[in-house]
Amino acid sequence: MAPDQAFLPLWMSFLIGLVLFFTRKWVADVARAIDSLEERLRLLEKSQAECRLELAKGYPTRPELERLVERLENHATRLTILEERDLAA
């Protein structure tokens, strides 16, 4: 086999090897980046859940707020009645 005939397949094999090596390296880098992003997303979700718990502490629940609104409306009605009586007197 002539040296020119052997050089081309060797050169192609070398280039294909380089492409495969860097492709594998790139895929590993992408996989690492995805893992890192997933971990950051889990930490963000955890911190959001903790923030929601912190915000929920000390604040009334929806039924408590509805009772409070009803009480405020009752007081407003009473005040209106008292003002009307006061003006009528």
PDB file of N, CA and C in Angstrom:
ATOM      1  N   MET A   1       0.857  -1.173   0.000  1.00  0.00           N
ATOM      2  CA  MET A   1       0.000   0.000   0.000  1.00  0.00           C
ATOM      3  C   MET A   1       0.900   1.232   0.000  1.00  0.00           C
ATOM      4  N   ALA A   2       0.593   2.165  -0.837  1.00  0.00           N
ATOM      5  CA  ALA A   2       1.403   3.370  -0.961  1.00  0.00           C
ATOM      6  C   ALA A   2       1.193   4.244   0.267  1.00  0.00           C
ATOM      7  N   PRO A   3       2.199   5.050   0.619  1.00  0.00           N
ATOM      8  CA  PRO A   3       2.061   5.915   1.801  1.00  0.00           C
ATOM      9  C   PRO A   3       0.899   6.889   1.682  1.00  0.00           C
ATOM     10  N   ASP A   4       0.612   7.347   0.474  1.00  0.00           N
ATOM     11  CA  ASP A   4      -0.510   8.281   0.306  1.00  0.00           C
ATOM     12  C   ASP A   4      -1.841   7.595   0.581  1.00  0.00           C
ATOM     13  N   GLN A   5      -1.945   6.346   0.211  1.00  0.00           N
ATOM     14  CA  GLN A   5      -3.184   5.616   0.426  1.00  0.00           C
ATOM     15  C   GLN A   5      -3.402   5.317   1.914  1.00  0.00           C
ATOM     16  N   ALA A   6      -2.387   5.152   2.679  1.00  0.00           N
ATOM     17  CA  ALA A   6      -2.502   4.865   4.120  1.00  0.00           C
ATOM     18  C   ALA A   6      -2.726   6.148   4.911  1.00  0.00           C
ATOM     19  N   PHE A   7      -2.216   7.254   4.402  1.00  0.00           N
ATOM     20  CA  PHE A   7      -2.307   8.520   5.151  1.00  0.00           C
ATOM     21  C   PHE A   7      -3.746   9.018   5.274  1.00  0.00           C
ATOM     22  N   LEU A   8      -4.512   8.930   4.187  1.00  0.00           N
ATOM     23  CA  LEU A   8      -5.880   9.451   4.204  1.00  0.00           C
ATOM     24  C   LEU A   8      -6.778   8.726   5.220  1.00  0.00           C
ATOM     25  N   PRO A   9      -6.805   7.399   5.263  1.00  0.00           N
ATOM     26  CA  PRO A   9      -7.629   6.732   6.285  1.00  0.00           C
ATOM     27  C   PRO A   9      -7.149   7.030   7.702  1.00  0.00           C
ATOM     28  N   LEU A  10      -5.834   7.117   7.897  1.00  0.00           N
ATOM     29  CA  LEU A  10      -5.324   7.444   9.229  1.00  0.00           C
ATOM     30  C   LEU A  10      -5.746   8.855   9.635  1.00  0.00           C
ATOM     31  N   TRP A  11      -5.639   9.790   8.698  1.00  0.00           N
ATOM     32  CA  TRP A  11      -6.025  11.177   8.977  1.00  0.00           C
ATOM     33  C   TRP A  11      -7.526  11.274   9.263  1.00  0.00           C
ATOM     34  N   MET A  12      -8.330  10.562   8.509  1.00  0.00           N
ATOM     35  CA  MET A  12      -9.775  10.565   8.740  1.00  0.00           C
ATOM     36  C   MET A  12     -10.103   9.941  10.096  1.00  0.00           C
ATOM     37  N   SER A  13      -9.434   8.865  10.435  1.00  0.00           N
ATOM     38  CA  SER A  13      -9.664   8.229  11.734  1.00  0.00           C
ATOM     39  C   SER A  13      -9.283   9.174  12.872  1.00  0.00           C
ATOM     40  N   PHE A  14      -8.180   9.869  12.701  1.00  0.00           N
ATOM     41  CA  PHE A  14      -7.748  10.824  13.716  1.00  0.00           C
ATOM     42  C   PHE A  14      -8.780  11.947  13.879  1.00  0.00           C
ATOM     43  N   LEU A  15      -9.248  12.514  12.770  1.00  0.00           N
ATOM     44  CA  LEU A  15     -10.242  13.582  12.831  1.00  0.00           C
ATOM     45  C   LEU A  15     -11.554  13.088  13.437  1.00  0.00           C
ATOM     46  N   ILE A  16     -11.988  11.903  13.062  1.00  0.00           N
ATOM     47  CA  ILE A  16     -13.212  11.344  13.626  1.00  0.00           C
ATOM     48  C   ILE A  16     -13.033  11.119  15.133  1.00  0.00           C
ATOM     49  N   GLY A  17     -11.859  10.660  15.529  1.00  0.00           N
ATOM     50  CA  GLY A  17     -11.564  10.484  16.954  1.00  0.00           C
ATOM     51  C   GLY A  17     -11.636  11.808  17.701  1.00  0.00           C
ATOM     52  N   LEU A  18     -11.072  12.861  17.114  1.00  0.00           N
ATOM     53  CA  LEU A  18     -11.140  14.185  17.741  1.00  0.00           C
ATOM     54  C   LEU A  18     -12.584  14.661  17.864  1.00  0.00           C
ATOM     55  N   VAL A  19     -13.358  14.491  16.805  1.00  0.00           N
ATOM     56  CA  VAL A  19     -14.760  14.908  16.828  1.00  0.00           C
ATOM     57  C   VAL A  19     -15.512  14.140  17.909  1.00  0.00           C
ATOM     58  N   LEU A  20     -15.320  12.847  17.982  1.00  0.00           N
ATOM     59  CA  LEU A  20     -15.989  12.042  19.002  1.00  0.00           C
ATOM     60  C   LEU A  20     -15.550  12.440  20.410  1.00  0.00           C
ATOM     61  N   PHE A  21     -14.251  12.686  20.575  1.00  0.00           N
ATOM     62  CA  PHE A  21     -13.750  13.087  21.900  1.00  0.00           C
ATOM     63  C   PHE A  21     -14.397  14.398  22.352  1.00  0.00           C
ATOM     64  N   PHE A  22     -14.382  15.411  21.479  1.00  0.00           N
ATOM     65  CA  PHE A  22     -14.929  16.705  21.870  1.00  0.00           C
ATOM     66  C   PHE A  22     -16.457  16.676  21.975  1.00  0.00           C
ATOM     67  N   THR A  23     -17.089  15.837  21.158  1.00  0.00           N
ATOM     68  CA  THR A  23     -18.540  15.682  21.281  1.00  0.00           C
ATOM     69  C   THR A  23     -18.889  15.069  22.632  1.00  0.00           C
ATOM     70  N   ARG A  24     -18.147  14.036  23.029  1.00  0.00           N
ATOM     71  CA  ARG A  24     -18.376  13.407  24.325  1.00  0.00           C
ATOM     72  C   ARG A  24     -18.113  14.390  25.461  1.00  0.00           C
ATOM     73  N   LYS A  25     -17.061  15.175  25.327  1.00  0.00           N
ATOM     74  CA  LYS A  25     -16.751  16.195  26.338  1.00  0.00           C
ATOM     75  C   LYS A  25     -17.867  17.236  26.408  1.00  0.00           C
ATOM     76  N   TRP A  26     -18.365  17.672  25.260  1.00  0.00           N
ATOM     77  CA  TRP A  26     -19.442  18.657  25.217  1.00  0.00           C
ATOM     78  C   TRP A  26     -20.721  18.093  25.843  1.00  0.00           C
ATOM     79  N   VAL A  27     -21.047  16.837  25.527  1.00  0.00           N
ATOM     80  CA  VAL A  27     -22.242  16.204  26.096  1.00  0.00           C
ATOM     81  C   VAL A  27     -22.109  16.116  27.615  1.00  0.00           C
ATOM     82  N   ALA A  28     -20.932  15.782  28.115  1.00  0.00           N
ATOM     83  CA  ALA A  28     -20.719  15.717  29.556  1.00  0.00           C
ATOM     84  C   ALA A  28     -20.872  17.096  30.191  1.00  0.00           C
ATOM     85  N   ASP A  29     -20.365  18.136  29.531  1.00  0.00           N
ATOM     86  CA  ASP A  29     -20.524  19.500  30.047  1.00  0.00           C
ATOM     87  C   ASP A  29     -21.991  19.911  30.080  1.00  0.00           C
ATOM     88  N   VAL A  30     -22.727  19.570  29.047  1.00  0.00           N
ATOM     89  CA  VAL A  30     -24.152  19.897  29.009  1.00  0.00           C
ATOM     90  C   VAL A  30     -24.896  19.144  30.110  1.00  0.00           C
ATOM     91  N   ALA A  31     -24.558  17.887  30.302  1.00  0.00           N
ATOM     92  CA  ALA A  31     -25.205  17.096  31.360  1.00  0.00           C
ATOM     93  C   ALA A  31     -24.908  17.696  32.733  1.00  0.00           C
ATOM     94  N   ARG A  32     -23.682  18.126  32.948  1.00  0.00           N
ATOM     95  CA  ARG A  32     -23.319  18.766  34.218  1.00  0.00           C
ATOM     96  C   ARG A  32     -24.084  20.069  34.406  1.00  0.00           C
ATOM     97  N   ALA A  33     -24.218  20.847  33.335  1.00  0.00           N
ATOM     98  CA  ALA A  33     -24.955  22.107  33.418  1.00  0.00           C
ATOM     99  C   ALA A  33     -26.425  21.855  33.725  1.00  0.00           C
ATOM    100  N   ILE A  34     -27.011  20.832  33.111  1.00  0.00           N
ATOM    101  CA  ILE A  34     -28.407  20.501  33.383  1.00  0.00           C
ATOM    102  C   ILE A  34     -28.576  20.063  34.827  1.00  0.00           C
ATOM    103  N   ASP A  35     -27.669  19.244  35.324  1.00  0.00           N
ATOM    104  CA  ASP A  35     -27.731  18.815  36.731  1.00  0.00           C
ATOM    105  C   ASP A  35     -27.629  20.007  37.671  1.00  0.00           C
ATOM    106  N   SER A  36     -26.738  20.928  37.336  1.00  0.00           N
ATOM    107  CA  SER A  36     -26.578  22.128  38.160  1.00  0.00           C
ATOM    108  C   SER A  36     -27.856  22.970  38.154  1.00  0.00           C
ATOM    109  N   LEU A  37     -28.452  23.132  36.984  1.00  0.00           N
ATOM    110  CA  LEU A  37     -29.692  23.900  36.896  1.00  0.00           C
ATOM    111  C   LEU A  37     -30.827  23.223  37.647  1.00  0.00           C
ATOM    112  N   GLU A  38     -30.897  21.895  37.564  1.00  0.00           N
ATOM    113  CA  GLU A  38     -31.938  21.176  38.305  1.00  0.00           C
ATOM    114  C   GLU A  38     -31.750  21.347  39.807  1.00  0.00           C
ATOM    115  N   GLU A  39     -30.510  21.306  40.268  1.00  0.00           N
ATOM    116  CA  GLU A  39     -30.238  21.505  41.692  1.00  0.00           C
ATOM    117  C   GLU A  39     -30.622  22.921  42.119  1.00  0.00           C
ATOM    118  N   ARG A  40     -30.267  23.903  41.294  1.00  0.00           N
ATOM    119  CA  ARG A  40     -30.641  25.279  41.616  1.00  0.00           C
ATOM    120  C   ARG A  40     -32.148  25.451  41.631  1.00  0.00           C
ATOM    121  N   LEU A  41     -32.848  24.776  40.708  1.00  0.00           N
ATOM    122  CA  LEU A  41     -34.315  24.842  40.669  1.00  0.00           C
ATOM    123  C   LEU A  41     -34.914  24.225  41.932  1.00  0.00           C
ATOM    124  N   ARG A  42     -34.355  23.082  42.383  1.00  0.00           N
ATOM    125  CA  ARG A  42     -34.840  22.464  43.624  1.00  0.00           C
ATOM    126  C   ARG A  42     -34.626  23.395  44.814  1.00  0.00           C
ATOM    127  N   LEU A  43     -33.475  24.044  44.873  1.00  0.00           N
ATOM    128  CA  LEU A  43     -33.206  24.977  45.970  1.00  0.00           C
ATOM    129  C   LEU A  43     -34.156  26.170  45.915  1.00  0.00           C
ATOM    130  N   LEU A  44     -34.435  26.668  44.716  1.00  0.00           N
ATOM    131  CA  LEU A  44     -35.363  27.779  44.564  1.00  0.00           C
ATOM    132  C   LEU A  44     -36.772  27.390  45.009  1.00  0.00           C
ATOM    133  N   GLU A  45     -37.214  26.199  44.586  1.00  0.00           N
ATOM    134  CA  GLU A  45     -38.537  25.736  45.000  1.00  0.00           C
ATOM    135  C   GLU A  45     -38.610  25.557  46.512  1.00  0.00           C
ATOM    136  N   LYS A  46     -37.535  25.057  47.106  1.00  0.00           N
ATOM    137  CA  LYS A  46     -37.503  24.881  48.557  1.00  0.00           C
ATOM    138  C   LYS A  46     -37.581  26.231  49.254  1.00  0.00           C
ATOM    139  N   SER A  47     -36.818  27.210  48.764  1.00  0.00           N
ATOM    140  CA  SER A  47     -36.840  28.529  49.399  1.00  0.00           C
ATOM    141  C   SER A  47     -38.195  29.206  49.209  1.00  0.00           C
ATOM    142  N   GLN A  48     -38.839  28.996  48.059  1.00  0.00           N
ATOM    143  CA  GLN A  48     -40.172  29.556  47.851  1.00  0.00           C
ATOM    144  C   GLN A  48     -41.177  28.945  48.820  1.00  0.00           C
ATOM    145  N   ALA A  49     -41.075  27.640  49.021  1.00  0.00           N
ATOM    146  CA  ALA A  49     -41.992  26.984  49.965  1.00  0.00           C
ATOM    147  C   ALA A  49     -41.764  27.514  51.374  1.00  0.00           C
ATOM    148  N   GLU A  50     -40.498  27.713  51.747  1.00  0.00           N
ATOM    149  CA  GLU A  50     -40.200  28.258  53.073  1.00  0.00           C
ATOM    150  C   GLU A  50     -40.729  29.685  53.200  1.00  0.00           C
ATOM    151  N   CYS A  51     -40.605  30.468  52.141  1.00  0.00           N
ATOM    152  CA  CYS A  51     -41.115  31.838  52.177  1.00  0.00           C
ATOM    153  C   CYS A  51     -42.638  31.845  52.311  1.00  0.00           C
ATOM    154  N   ARG A  52     -43.290  30.939  51.599  1.00  0.00           N
ATOM    155  CA  ARG A  52     -44.746  30.862  51.718  1.00  0.00           C
ATOM    156  C   ARG A  52     -45.154  30.511  53.144  1.00  0.00           C
ATOM    157  N   LEU A  53     -44.414  29.588  53.758  1.00  0.00           N
ATOM    158  CA  LEU A  53     -44.726  29.230  55.143  1.00  0.00           C
ATOM    159  C   LEU A  53     -44.516  30.419  56.072  1.00  0.00           C
ATOM    160  N   GLU A  54     -43.423  31.148  55.853  1.00  0.00           N
ATOM    161  CA  GLU A  54     -43.152  32.318  56.691  1.00  0.00           C
ATOM    162  C   GLU A  54     -44.233  33.375  56.516  1.00  0.00           C
ATOM    163  N   LEU A  55     -44.672  33.571  55.277  1.00  0.00           N
ATOM    164  CA  LEU A  55     -45.717  34.557  55.031  1.00  0.00           C
ATOM    165  C   LEU A  55     -47.049  34.107  55.619  1.00  0.00           C
ATOM    166  N   ALA A  56     -47.289  32.800  55.589  1.00  0.00           N
ATOM    167  CA  ALA A  56     -48.571  32.293  56.091  1.00  0.00           C
ATOM    168  C   ALA A  56     -48.669  32.385  57.606  1.00  0.00           C
ATOM    169  N   LYS A  57     -47.527  32.344  58.272  1.00  0.00           N
ATOM    170  CA  LYS A  57     -47.561  32.426  59.734  1.00  0.00           C
ATOM    171  C   LYS A  57     -47.969  33.832  60.150  1.00  0.00           C
ATOM    172  N   GLY A  58     -48.915  33.901  61.053  1.00  0.00           N
ATOM    173  CA  GLY A  58     -49.315  35.193  61.576  1.00  0.00           C
ATOM    174  C   GLY A  58     -50.382  35.887  60.751  1.00  0.00           C
ATOM    175  N   TYR A  59     -50.699  35.372  59.579  1.00  0.00           N
ATOM    176  CA  TYR A  59     -51.750  35.968  58.768  1.00  0.00           C
ATOM    177  C   TYR A  59     -53.008  35.115  58.887  1.00  0.00           C
ATOM    178  N   PRO A  60     -54.155  35.763  58.880  1.00  0.00           N
ATOM    179  CA  PRO A  60     -55.400  34.998  59.026  1.00  0.00           C
ATOM    180  C   PRO A  60     -55.687  34.136  57.798  1.00  0.00           C
ATOM    181  N   THR A  61     -56.434  33.074  58.038  1.00  0.00           N
ATOM    182  CA  THR A  61     -56.841  32.212  56.936  1.00  0.00           C
ATOM    183  C   THR A  61     -58.029  32.850  56.215  1.00  0.00           C
ATOM    184  N   ARG A  62     -58.421  32.282  55.108  1.00  0.00           N
ATOM    185  CA  ARG A  62     -59.527  32.838  54.325  1.00  0.00           C
ATOM    186  C   ARG A  62     -60.829  32.880  55.134  1.00  0.00           C
ATOM    187  N   PRO A  63     -61.198  31.796  55.846  1.00  0.00           N
ATOM    188  CA  PRO A  63     -62.436  31.893  56.636  1.00  0.00           C
ATOM    189  C   PRO A  63     -62.359  32.977  57.717  1.00  0.00           C
ATOM    190  N   GLU A  64     -61.188  33.128  58.315  1.00  0.00           N
ATOM    191  CA  GLU A  64     -61.035  34.188  59.319  1.00  0.00           C
ATOM    192  C   GLU A  64     -61.198  35.557  58.677  1.00  0.00           C
ATOM    193  N   LEU A  65     -60.635  35.730  57.484  1.00  0.00           N
ATOM    194  CA  LEU A  65     -60.784  37.008  56.776  1.00  0.00           C
ATOM    195  C   LEU A  65     -62.241  37.274  56.414  1.00  0.00           C
ATOM    196  N   GLU A  66     -62.954  36.231  56.005  1.00  0.00           N
ATOM    197  CA  GLU A  66     -64.368  36.402  55.661  1.00  0.00           C
ATOM    198  C   GLU A  66     -65.177  36.805  56.890  1.00  0.00           C
ATOM    199  N   ARG A  67     -64.883  36.189  58.047  1.00  0.00           N
ATOM    200  CA  ARG A  67     -65.571  36.586  59.286  1.00  0.00           C
ATOM    201  C   ARG A  67     -65.236  38.026  59.650  1.00  0.00           C
ATOM    202  N   LEU A  68     -63.992  38.407  59.445  1.00  0.00           N
ATOM    203  CA  LEU A  68     -63.577  39.775  59.741  1.00  0.00           C
ATOM    204  C   LEU A  68     -64.293  40.773  58.834  1.00  0.00           C
ATOM    205  N   VAL A  69     -64.416  40.454  57.563  1.00  0.00           N
ATOM    206  CA  VAL A  69     -65.125  41.331  56.630  1.00  0.00           C
ATOM    207  C   VAL A  69     -66.581  41.472  57.059  1.00  0.00           C
ATOM    208  N   GLU A  70     -67.177  40.354  57.450  1.00  0.00           N
ATOM    209  CA  GLU A  70     -68.570  40.405  57.893  1.00  0.00           C
ATOM    210  C   GLU A  70     -68.724  41.278  59.138  1.00  0.00           C
ATOM    211  N   ARG A  71     -67.799  41.147  60.070  1.00  0.00           N
ATOM    212  CA  ARG A  71     -67.850  41.980  61.283  1.00  0.00           C
ATOM    213  C   ARG A  71     -67.678  43.455  60.945  1.00  0.00           C
ATOM    214  N   LEU A  72     -66.754  43.748  60.036  1.00  0.00           N
ATOM    215  CA  LEU A  72     -66.549  45.143  59.642  1.00  0.00           C
ATOM    216  C   LEU A  72     -67.788  45.709  58.965  1.00  0.00           C
ATOM    217  N   GLU A  73     -68.442  44.914  58.139  1.00  0.00           N
ATOM    218  CA  GLU A  73     -69.677  45.380  57.498  1.00  0.00           C
ATOM    219  C   GLU A  73     -70.770  45.635  58.546  1.00  0.00           C
ATOM    220  N   ASN A  74     -70.850  44.761  59.547  1.00  0.00           N
ATOM    221  CA  ASN A  74     -71.822  44.965  60.623  1.00  0.00           C
ATOM    222  C   ASN A  74     -71.537  46.256  61.388  1.00  0.00           C
ATOM    223  N   HIS A  75     -70.276  46.491  61.690  1.00  0.00           N
ATOM    224  CA  HIS A  75     -69.903  47.722  62.403  1.00  0.00           C
ATOM    225  C   HIS A  75     -70.192  48.954  61.555  1.00  0.00           C
ATOM    226  N   ALA A  76     -69.923  48.850  60.249  1.00  0.00           N
ATOM    227  CA  ALA A  76     -70.204  49.981  59.366  1.00  0.00           C
ATOM    228  C   ALA A  76     -71.702  50.266  59.326  1.00  0.00           C
ATOM    229  N   THR A  77     -72.496  49.214  59.289  1.00  0.00           N
ATOM    230  CA  THR A  77     -73.953  49.396  59.296  1.00  0.00           C
ATOM    231  C   THR A  77     -74.399  50.051  60.596  1.00  0.00           C
ATOM    232  N   ARG A  78     -73.858  49.581  61.719  1.00  0.00           N
ATOM    233  CA  ARG A  78     -74.208  50.171  63.021  1.00  0.00           C
ATOM    234  C   ARG A  78     -73.823  51.640  63.078  1.00  0.00           C
ATOM    235  N   LEU A  79     -72.637  51.962  62.578  1.00  0.00           N
ATOM    236  CA  LEU A  79     -72.204  53.360  62.581  1.00  0.00           C
ATOM    237  C   LEU A  79     -73.122  54.221  61.723  1.00  0.00           C
ATOM    238  N   THR A  80     -73.526  53.703  60.580  1.00  0.00           N
ATOM    239  CA  THR A  80     -74.441  54.445  59.712  1.00  0.00           C
ATOM    240  C   THR A  80     -75.766  54.700  60.427  1.00  0.00           C
ATOM    241  N   ILE A  81     -76.278  53.688  61.108  1.00  0.00           N
ATOM    242  CA  ILE A  81     -77.540  53.840  61.851  1.00  0.00           C
ATOM    243  C   ILE A  81     -77.377  54.868  62.961  1.00  0.00           C
ATOM    244  N   LEU A  82     -76.265  54.802  63.686  1.00  0.00           N
ATOM    245  CA  LEU A  82     -76.023  55.770  64.766  1.00  0.00           C
ATOM    246  C   LEU A  82     -75.892  57.188  64.218  1.00  0.00           C
ATOM    247  N   GLU A  83     -75.216  57.335  63.078  1.00  0.00           N
ATOM    248  CA  GLU A  83     -75.093  58.670  62.477  1.00  0.00           C
ATOM    249  C   GLU A  83     -76.464  59.212  62.057  1.00  0.00           C
ATOM    250  N   GLU A  84     -77.293  58.345  61.487  1.00  0.00           N
ATOM    251  CA  GLU A  84     -78.625  58.766  61.072  1.00  0.00           C
ATOM    252  C   GLU A  84     -79.459  59.190  62.296  1.00  0.00           C
ATOM    253  N   ARG A  85     -79.350  58.442  63.385  1.00  0.00           N
ATOM    254  CA  ARG A  85     -80.074  58.792  64.616  1.00  0.00           C
ATOM    255  C   ARG A  85     -79.564  60.121  65.164  1.00  0.00           C
ATOM    256  N   ASP A  86     -78.236  60.281  65.103  1.00  0.00           N
ATOM    257  CA  ASP A  86     -77.641  61.501  65.616  1.00  0.00           C
ATOM    258  C   ASP A  86     -78.098  62.717  64.807  1.00  0.00           C
ATOM    259  N   LEU A  87     -78.156  62.558  63.482  1.00  0.00           N
ATOM    260  CA  LEU A  87     -78.587  63.654  62.631  1.00  0.00           C
ATOM    261  C   LEU A  87     -80.082  63.936  62.810  1.00  0.00           C
ATOM    262  N   ALA A  88     -80.834  62.902  63.067  1.00  0.00           N
ATOM    263  CA  ALA A  88     -82.285  63.078  63.248  1.00  0.00           C
ATOM    264  C   ALA A  88     -82.581  63.757  64.583  1.00  0.00           C
ATOM    265  N   ALA A  89     -81.718  63.610  65.564  1.00  0.00           N
ATOM    266  CA  ALA A  89     -81.996  64.178  66.888  1.00  0.00           C
ATOM    267  C   ALA A  89     -81.702  65.651  66.988  1.00  0.00           C
TER     268      ALA A  89
END
